[in-house]
PDB file of N, CA and C in Angstrom:
ATOM      1  N   MET A   1      -2.387   2.914 -15.775  1.00  0.00           N
ATOM      2  CA  MET A   1      -2.838   2.415 -14.643  1.00  0.00           C
ATOM      3  C   MET A   1      -3.285   3.494 -13.718  1.00  0.00           C
ATOM      4  N   LYS A   2      -4.395   3.356 -13.011  1.00  0.00           N
ATOM      5  CA  LYS A   2      -4.958   4.344 -12.081  1.00  0.00           C
ATOM      6  C   LYS A   2      -4.746   3.853 -10.607  1.00  0.00           C
ATOM      7  N   ILE A   3      -4.537   4.802  -9.780  1.00  0.00           N
ATOM      8  CA  ILE A   3      -4.114   4.508  -8.394  1.00  0.00           C
ATOM      9  C   ILE A   3      -5.125   5.385  -7.543  1.00  0.00           C
ATOM     10  N   TYR A   4      -5.901   4.680  -6.734  1.00  0.00           N
ATOM     11  CA  TYR A   4      -6.851   5.287  -5.855  1.00  0.00           C
ATOM     12  C   TYR A   4      -6.239   5.133  -4.448  1.00  0.00           C
ATOM     13  N   TYR A   5      -6.343   6.223  -3.645  1.00  0.00           N
ATOM     14  CA  TYR A   5      -5.953   6.095  -2.239  1.00  0.00           C
ATOM     15  C   TYR A   5      -7.085   6.289  -1.363  1.00  0.00           C
ATOM     16  N   SER A   6      -7.342   5.575  -0.192  1.00  0.00           N
ATOM     17  CA  SER A   6      -8.253   5.649   0.698  1.00  0.00           C
ATOM     18  C   SER A   6      -8.049   6.839   1.595  1.00  0.00           C
ATOM     19  N   LYS A   7      -9.061   7.313   2.244  1.00  0.00           N
ATOM     20  CA  LYS A   7      -8.937   8.403   3.204  1.00  0.00           C
ATOM     21  C   LYS A   7      -7.899   8.282   4.316  1.00  0.00           C
ATOM     22  N   THR A   8      -7.959   6.853   4.938  1.00  0.00           N
ATOM     23  CA  THR A   8      -6.942   6.560   5.981  1.00  0.00           C
ATOM     24  C   THR A   8      -5.549   6.596   5.423  1.00  0.00           C
ATOM     25  N   SER A   9      -5.381   6.114   4.280  1.00  0.00           N
ATOM     26  CA  SER A   9      -3.949   6.110   3.806  1.00  0.00           C
ATOM     27  C   SER A   9      -3.536   7.591   3.560  1.00  0.00           C
ATOM     28  N   ILE A  10      -4.241   8.303   2.961  1.00  0.00           N
ATOM     29  CA  ILE A  10      -3.898   9.797   2.781  1.00  0.00           C
ATOM     30  C   ILE A  10      -3.562  10.497   3.960  1.00  0.00           C
ATOM     31  N   LYS A  11      -4.465  10.301   5.114  1.00  0.00           N
ATOM     32  CA  LYS A  11      -4.162  10.605   6.490  1.00  0.00           C
ATOM     33  C   LYS A  11      -2.822  10.348   6.995  1.00  0.00           C
ATOM     34  N   HIS A  12      -2.609   9.028   6.828  1.00  0.00           N
ATOM     35  CA  HIS A  12      -1.304   8.682   7.227  1.00  0.00           C
ATOM     36  C   HIS A  12      -0.065   9.102   6.581  1.00  0.00           C
ATOM     37  N   LEU A  13      -0.115   9.350   5.430  1.00  0.00           N
ATOM     38  CA  LEU A  13       0.834   9.817   4.533  1.00  0.00           C
ATOM     39  C   LEU A  13       1.230  11.271   4.938  1.00  0.00           C
ATOM     40  N   GLN A  14       0.276  11.949   5.408  1.00  0.00           N
ATOM     41  CA  GLN A  14       0.417  13.369   5.835  1.00  0.00           C
ATOM     42  C   GLN A  14       1.232  13.407   7.126  1.00  0.00           C
ATOM     43  N   LYS A  15       1.240  12.410   7.952  1.00  0.00           N
ATOM     44  CA  LYS A  15       1.936  12.265   9.094  1.00  0.00           C
ATOM     45  C   LYS A  15       3.269  11.871   9.118  1.00  0.00           C
ATOM     46  N   ILE A  16       3.758  11.358   7.989  1.00  0.00           N
ATOM     47  CA  ILE A  16       5.163  10.781   7.712  1.00  0.00           C
ATOM     48  C   ILE A  16       6.006  11.864   7.195  1.00  0.00           C
ATOM     49  N   LYS A  17       7.299  11.692   7.404  1.00  0.00           N
ATOM     50  CA  LYS A  17       8.288  12.506   6.874  1.00  0.00           C
ATOM     51  C   LYS A  17       8.283  12.521   5.351  1.00  0.00           C
ATOM     52  N   LYS A  18       8.574  13.853   4.751  1.00  0.00           N
ATOM     53  CA  LYS A  18       8.404  14.004   3.316  1.00  0.00           C
ATOM     54  C   LYS A  18       9.248  12.986   2.511  1.00  0.00           C
ATOM     55  N   ASP A  19      10.509  12.758   2.863  1.00  0.00           N
ATOM     56  CA  ASP A  19      11.372  11.962   2.151  1.00  0.00           C
ATOM     57  C   ASP A  19      10.827  10.565   2.229  1.00  0.00           C
ATOM     58  N   VAL A  20      10.305  10.056   3.172  1.00  0.00           N
ATOM     59  CA  VAL A  20       9.730   8.623   3.296  1.00  0.00           C
ATOM     60  C   VAL A  20       8.458   8.718   2.486  1.00  0.00           C
ATOM     61  N   VAL A  21       7.734   9.591   2.424  1.00  0.00           N
ATOM     62  CA  VAL A  21       6.438   9.698   1.655  1.00  0.00           C
ATOM     63  C   VAL A  21       6.818   9.515   0.121  1.00  0.00           C
ATOM     64  N   LYS A  22       7.828  10.257  -0.246  1.00  0.00           N
ATOM     65  CA  LYS A  22       8.375  10.279  -1.674  1.00  0.00           C
ATOM     66  C   LYS A  22       8.654   8.928  -2.104  1.00  0.00           C
ATOM     67  N   ASN A  23       9.389   8.138  -1.181  1.00  0.00           N
ATOM     68  CA  ASN A  23       9.799   6.787  -1.349  1.00  0.00           C
ATOM     69  C   ASN A  23       8.549   5.873  -1.493  1.00  0.00           C
ATOM     70  N   ILE A  24       7.581   6.123  -0.562  1.00  0.00           N
ATOM     71  CA  ILE A  24       6.420   5.218  -0.680  1.00  0.00           C
ATOM     72  C   ILE A  24       5.655   5.421  -1.923  1.00  0.00           C
ATOM     73  N   VAL A  25       5.409   6.660  -2.297  1.00  0.00           N
ATOM     74  CA  VAL A  25       4.600   6.954  -3.436  1.00  0.00           C
ATOM     75  C   VAL A  25       5.293   6.542  -4.701  1.00  0.00           C
ATOM     76  N   GLU A  26       6.593   6.667  -4.873  1.00  0.00           N
ATOM     77  CA  GLU A  26       7.361   6.015  -6.054  1.00  0.00           C
ATOM     78  C   GLU A  26       7.092   4.607  -6.087  1.00  0.00           C
ATOM     79  N   SER A  27       7.221   3.871  -4.934  1.00  0.00           N
ATOM     80  CA  SER A  27       7.123   2.471  -4.953  1.00  0.00           C
ATOM     81  C   SER A  27       5.643   2.004  -5.294  1.00  0.00           C
ATOM     82  N   ILE A  28       4.754   2.841  -4.923  1.00  0.00           N
ATOM     83  CA  ILE A  28       3.163   2.582  -5.259  1.00  0.00           C
ATOM     84  C   ILE A  28       2.970   2.689  -6.766  1.00  0.00           C
ATOM     85  N   GLU A  29       3.598   3.735  -7.299  1.00  0.00           N
ATOM     86  CA  GLU A  29       3.558   3.783  -8.707  1.00  0.00           C
ATOM     87  C   GLU A  29       4.109   2.738  -9.597  1.00  0.00           C
ATOM     88  N   LYS A  30       4.933   2.043  -9.037  1.00  0.00           N
ATOM     89  CA  LYS A  30       5.671   0.847  -9.752  1.00  0.00           C
ATOM     90  C   LYS A  30       4.783  -0.407  -9.663  1.00  0.00           C
ATOM     91  N   LEU A  31       3.638  -0.452  -8.805  1.00  0.00           N
ATOM     92  CA  LEU A  31       2.817  -1.541  -8.640  1.00  0.00           C
ATOM     93  C   LEU A  31       2.224  -1.919 -10.003  1.00  0.00           C
ATOM     94  N   PRO A  32       1.746  -3.285 -10.214  1.00  0.00           N
ATOM     95  CA  PRO A  32       1.914  -4.295  -9.360  1.00  0.00           C
ATOM     96  C   PRO A  32       3.163  -5.210  -9.687  1.00  0.00           C
ATOM     97  N   PHE A  33       4.070  -4.579 -10.294  1.00  0.00           N
ATOM     98  CA  PHE A  33       5.110  -5.595 -10.843  1.00  0.00           C
ATOM     99  C   PHE A  33       6.424  -5.431 -10.043  1.00  0.00           C
ATOM    100  N   LYS A  34       6.872  -4.488  -9.232  1.00  0.00           N
ATOM    101  CA  LYS A  34       8.064  -4.341  -8.604  1.00  0.00           C
ATOM    102  C   LYS A  34       7.878  -4.141  -7.110  1.00  0.00           C
ATOM    103  N   GLY A  35       8.707  -4.703  -6.272  1.00  0.00           N
ATOM    104  CA  GLY A  35       8.782  -4.502  -4.927  1.00  0.00           C
ATOM    105  C   GLY A  35       8.618  -5.805  -4.150  1.00  0.00           C
ATOM    106  N   ASP A  36       8.623  -5.697  -2.905  1.00  0.00           N
ATOM    107  CA  ASP A  36       8.446  -6.766  -2.039  1.00  0.00           C
ATOM    108  C   ASP A  36       7.010  -7.033  -1.781  1.00  0.00           C
ATOM    109  N   ILE A  37       6.334  -7.790  -2.482  1.00  0.00           N
ATOM    110  CA  ILE A  37       4.947  -7.994  -2.539  1.00  0.00           C
ATOM    111  C   ILE A  37       4.609  -9.408  -2.233  1.00  0.00           C
ATOM    112  N   LYS A  38       3.529  -9.496  -1.381  1.00  0.00           N
ATOM    113  CA  LYS A  38       2.946 -10.818  -0.886  1.00  0.00           C
ATOM    114  C   LYS A  38       1.509 -10.725  -1.034  1.00  0.00           C
ATOM    115  N   LYS A  39       0.806 -11.844  -1.450  1.00  0.00           N
ATOM    116  CA  LYS A  39      -0.572 -11.877  -1.559  1.00  0.00           C
ATOM    117  C   LYS A  39      -1.061 -12.253  -0.002  1.00  0.00           C
ATOM    118  N   MET A  40      -2.105 -11.496   0.417  1.00  0.00           N
ATOM    119  CA  MET A  40      -2.636 -11.772   1.685  1.00  0.00           C
ATOM    120  C   MET A  40      -3.500 -12.928   1.802  1.00  0.00           C
ATOM    121  N   LYS A  41      -3.491 -13.766   3.023  1.00  0.00           N
ATOM    122  CA  LYS A  41      -4.209 -14.799   3.205  1.00  0.00           C
ATOM    123  C   LYS A  41      -5.280 -14.604   4.079  1.00  0.00           C
ATOM    124  N   GLY A  42      -6.412 -15.348   3.929  1.00  0.00           N
ATOM    125  CA  GLY A  42      -7.519 -15.287   4.997  1.00  0.00           C
ATOM    126  C   GLY A  42      -8.356 -14.178   4.867  1.00  0.00           C
ATOM    127  N   ASN A  43      -8.370 -13.423   3.785  1.00  0.00           N
ATOM    128  CA  ASN A  43      -9.180 -12.273   3.587  1.00  0.00           C
ATOM    129  C   ASN A  43     -10.539 -12.577   2.855  1.00  0.00           C
ATOM    130  N   LYS A  44     -11.588 -11.948   3.014  1.00  0.00           N
ATOM    131  CA  LYS A  44     -12.873 -12.363   2.395  1.00  0.00           C
ATOM    132  C   LYS A  44     -12.745 -11.556   0.934  1.00  0.00           C
ATOM    133  N   ILE A  45     -11.964 -10.680   0.958  1.00  0.00           N
ATOM    134  CA  ILE A  45     -11.893  -9.850  -0.365  1.00  0.00           C
ATOM    135  C   ILE A  45     -10.790 -10.524  -1.028  1.00  0.00           C
ATOM    136  N   LYS A  46     -10.949 -10.809  -2.421  1.00  0.00           N
ATOM    137  CA  LYS A  46      -9.944 -11.258  -3.230  1.00  0.00           C
ATOM    138  C   LYS A  46      -8.930 -10.354  -3.689  1.00  0.00           C
ATOM    139  N   ASN A  47      -7.855 -10.655  -4.134  1.00  0.00           N
ATOM    140  CA  ASN A  47      -6.792  -9.910  -4.780  1.00  0.00           C
ATOM    141  C   ASN A  47      -6.212  -8.731  -3.904  1.00  0.00           C
ATOM    142  N   ILE A  48      -6.021  -9.097  -2.553  1.00  0.00           N
ATOM    143  CA  ILE A  48      -5.317  -8.125  -1.521  1.00  0.00           C
ATOM    144  C   ILE A  48      -3.943  -8.491  -1.245  1.00  0.00           C
ATOM    145  N   PHE A  49      -3.014  -7.501  -1.425  1.00  0.00           N
ATOM    146  CA  PHE A  49      -1.730  -7.640  -1.459  1.00  0.00           C
ATOM    147  C   PHE A  49      -1.029  -6.820  -0.410  1.00  0.00           C
ATOM    148  N   ARG A  50       0.119  -7.071  -0.099  1.00  0.00           N
ATOM    149  CA  ARG A  50       0.973  -6.130   0.862  1.00  0.00           C
ATOM    150  C   ARG A  50       2.180  -5.827   0.265  1.00  0.00           C
ATOM    151  N   LEU A  51       2.603  -4.524   0.377  1.00  0.00           N
ATOM    152  CA  LEU A  51       3.821  -4.004  -0.215  1.00  0.00           C
ATOM    153  C   LEU A  51       4.686  -3.527   0.997  1.00  0.00           C
ATOM    154  N   ARG A  52       5.974  -4.132   1.034  1.00  0.00           N
ATOM    155  CA  ARG A  52       6.858  -3.712   2.128  1.00  0.00           C
ATOM    156  C   ARG A  52       7.849  -2.715   1.737  1.00  0.00           C
ATOM    157  N   ILE A  53       7.878  -1.598   2.536  1.00  0.00           N
ATOM    158  CA  ILE A  53       8.957  -0.510   2.207  1.00  0.00           C
ATOM    159  C   ILE A  53       9.518  -0.130   3.508  1.00  0.00           C
ATOM    160  N   GLY A  54      10.685  -0.895   3.943  1.00  0.00           N
ATOM    161  CA  GLY A  54      11.149  -0.560   5.125  1.00  0.00           C
ATOM    162  C   GLY A  54      10.337  -0.963   6.192  1.00  0.00           C
ATOM    163  N   LYS A  55      10.055  -0.112   7.232  1.00  0.00           N
ATOM    164  CA  LYS A  55       9.182  -0.468   8.442  1.00  0.00           C
ATOM    165  C   LYS A  55       7.600  -0.220   8.053  1.00  0.00           C
ATOM    166  N   TYR A  56       7.403   0.283   6.823  1.00  0.00           N
ATOM    167  CA  TYR A  56       6.079   0.607   6.543  1.00  0.00           C
ATOM    168  C   TYR A  56       5.479  -0.641   5.608  1.00  0.00           C
ATOM    169  N   ARG A  57       4.141  -0.769   5.719  1.00  0.00           N
ATOM    170  CA  ARG A  57       3.619  -1.794   4.729  1.00  0.00           C
ATOM    171  C   ARG A  57       2.320  -1.018   4.182  1.00  0.00           C
ATOM    172  N   ILE A  58       2.035  -1.325   2.798  1.00  0.00           N
ATOM    173  CA  ILE A  58       0.980  -0.808   2.194  1.00  0.00           C
ATOM    174  C   ILE A  58       0.098  -2.037   1.834  1.00  0.00           C
ATOM    175  N   ILE A  59      -1.201  -1.928   2.211  1.00  0.00           N
ATOM    176  CA  ILE A  59      -2.195  -2.892   1.846  1.00  0.00           C
ATOM    177  C   ILE A  59      -2.898  -2.393   0.642  1.00  0.00           C
ATOM    178  N   TYR A  60      -2.946  -3.198  -0.387  1.00  0.00           N
ATOM    179  CA  TYR A  60      -3.803  -2.774  -1.610  1.00  0.00           C
ATOM    180  C   TYR A  60      -4.404  -3.834  -2.288  1.00  0.00           C
ATOM    181  N   SER A  61      -5.507  -3.488  -3.098  1.00  0.00           N
ATOM    182  CA  SER A  61      -5.924  -4.541  -4.146  1.00  0.00           C
ATOM    183  C   SER A  61      -5.783  -4.119  -5.451  1.00  0.00           C
ATOM    184  N   PHE A  62      -5.661  -5.177  -6.352  1.00  0.00           N
ATOM    185  CA  PHE A  62      -5.433  -4.904  -7.788  1.00  0.00           C
ATOM    186  C   PHE A  62      -6.316  -5.621  -8.634  1.00  0.00           C
ATOM    187  N   GLU A  63      -7.000  -4.866  -9.462  1.00  0.00           N
ATOM    188  CA  GLU A  63      -7.995  -5.412 -10.425  1.00  0.00           C
ATOM    189  C   GLU A  63      -7.714  -4.725 -11.797  1.00  0.00           C
ATOM    190  N   LYS A  64      -7.574  -5.519 -12.806  1.00  0.00           N
ATOM    191  CA  LYS A  64      -7.303  -4.965 -14.274  1.00  0.00           C
ATOM    192  C   LYS A  64      -6.161  -3.778 -14.179  1.00  0.00           C
ATOM    193  N   ASP A  65      -6.486  -2.705 -14.359  1.00  0.00           N
ATOM    194  CA  ASP A  65      -5.601  -1.501 -14.398  1.00  0.00           C
ATOM    195  C   ASP A  65      -5.794  -0.557 -13.166  1.00  0.00           C
ATOM    196  N   ILE A  66      -6.476  -1.059 -12.202  1.00  0.00           N
ATOM    197  CA  ILE A  66      -6.623  -0.260 -11.081  1.00  0.00           C
ATOM    198  C   ILE A  66      -6.047  -0.734  -9.766  1.00  0.00           C
ATOM    199  N   VAL A  67      -5.369   0.137  -9.062  1.00  0.00           N
ATOM    200  CA  VAL A  67      -4.646  -0.258  -7.789  1.00  0.00           C
ATOM    201  C   VAL A  67      -5.377   0.640  -6.841  1.00  0.00           C
ATOM    202  N   LYS A  68      -5.951   0.018  -5.758  1.00  0.00           N
ATOM    203  CA  LYS A  68      -6.650   0.694  -4.626  1.00  0.00           C
ATOM    204  C   LYS A  68      -5.825   0.548  -3.403  1.00  0.00           C
ATOM    205  N   VAL A  69      -5.172   1.569  -2.899  1.00  0.00           N
ATOM    206  CA  VAL A  69      -4.411   1.633  -1.739  1.00  0.00           C
ATOM    207  C   VAL A  69      -5.377   1.613  -0.535  1.00  0.00           C
ATOM    208  N   ILE A  70      -5.424   0.638   0.258  1.00  0.00           N
ATOM    209  CA  ILE A  70      -6.451   0.575   1.395  1.00  0.00           C
ATOM    210  C   ILE A  70      -5.864   1.161   2.626  1.00  0.00           C
ATOM    211  N   LYS A  71      -4.636   0.833   2.828  1.00  0.00           N
ATOM    212  CA  LYS A  71      -4.026   1.193   4.239  1.00  0.00           C
ATOM    213  C   LYS A  71      -2.516   1.279   4.053  1.00  0.00           C
ATOM    214  N   ILE A  72      -2.000   2.230   4.794  1.00  0.00           N
ATOM    215  CA  ILE A  72      -0.613   2.616   4.856  1.00  0.00           C
ATOM    216  C   ILE A  72      -0.247   2.806   6.358  1.00  0.00           C
ATOM    217  N   ASP A  73       0.694   1.989   6.846  1.00  0.00           N
ATOM    218  CA  ASP A  73       0.932   2.068   8.282  1.00  0.00           C
ATOM    219  C   ASP A  73       2.305   1.385   8.595  1.00  0.00           C
ATOM    220  N   THR A  74       2.695   1.453   9.820  1.00  0.00           N
ATOM    221  CA  THR A  74       3.928   0.775  10.289  1.00  0.00           C
ATOM    222  C   THR A  74       3.593  -0.753  10.251  1.00  0.00           C
ATOM    223  N   ARG A  75       4.730  -1.571  10.534  1.00  0.00           N
ATOM    224  CA  ARG A  75       4.467  -3.033  10.495  1.00  0.00           C
ATOM    225  C   ARG A  75       3.617  -3.561  11.517  1.00  0.00           C
ATOM    226  N   GLY A  76       3.689  -3.124  12.749  1.00  0.00           N
ATOM    227  CA  GLY A  76       2.959  -3.485  13.846  1.00  0.00           C
ATOM    228  C   GLY A  76       1.443  -3.028  13.988  1.00  0.00           C
ATOM    229  N   ASP A  77       1.124  -1.957  13.196  1.00  0.00           N
ATOM    230  CA  ASP A  77      -0.185  -1.340  13.131  1.00  0.00           C
ATOM    231  C   ASP A  77      -0.997  -1.684  11.827  1.00  0.00           C
ATOM    232  N   VAL A  78      -0.366  -1.950  10.838  1.00  0.00           N
ATOM    233  CA  VAL A  78      -1.260  -2.169   9.599  1.00  0.00           C
ATOM    234  C   VAL A  78      -2.151  -3.289   9.665  1.00  0.00           C
ATOM    235  N   TYR A  79      -1.822  -4.391  10.358  1.00  0.00           N
ATOM    236  CA  TYR A  79      -2.662  -5.574  10.139  1.00  0.00           C
ATOM    237  C   TYR A  79      -3.757  -5.639  11.355  1.00  0.00           C
ATOM    238  N   LYS A  80      -3.915  -4.677  12.062  1.00  0.00           N
ATOM    239  CA  LYS A  80      -4.983  -4.479  13.048  1.00  0.00           C
ATOM    240  C   LYS A  80      -6.382  -4.292  12.425  1.00  0.00           C
TER     241      LYS A  80
END
């Protein structure tokens, strides 16, 4: 499986503590089968999901063998 990160998600990962980044990256590598995952509603794009890791949320899309990480941010800011 291939994982692609958006520019905004990479920038946010650079601002977070390294131990938290390690936890987030390990959880992303286990996608799409493990973790607190929910399908997003009301989006024009199909197959958008959210992964919860503590106070952080990862918004991603999944098609075939490709995971595209769209946004990584805290709970209050990721949905804006």
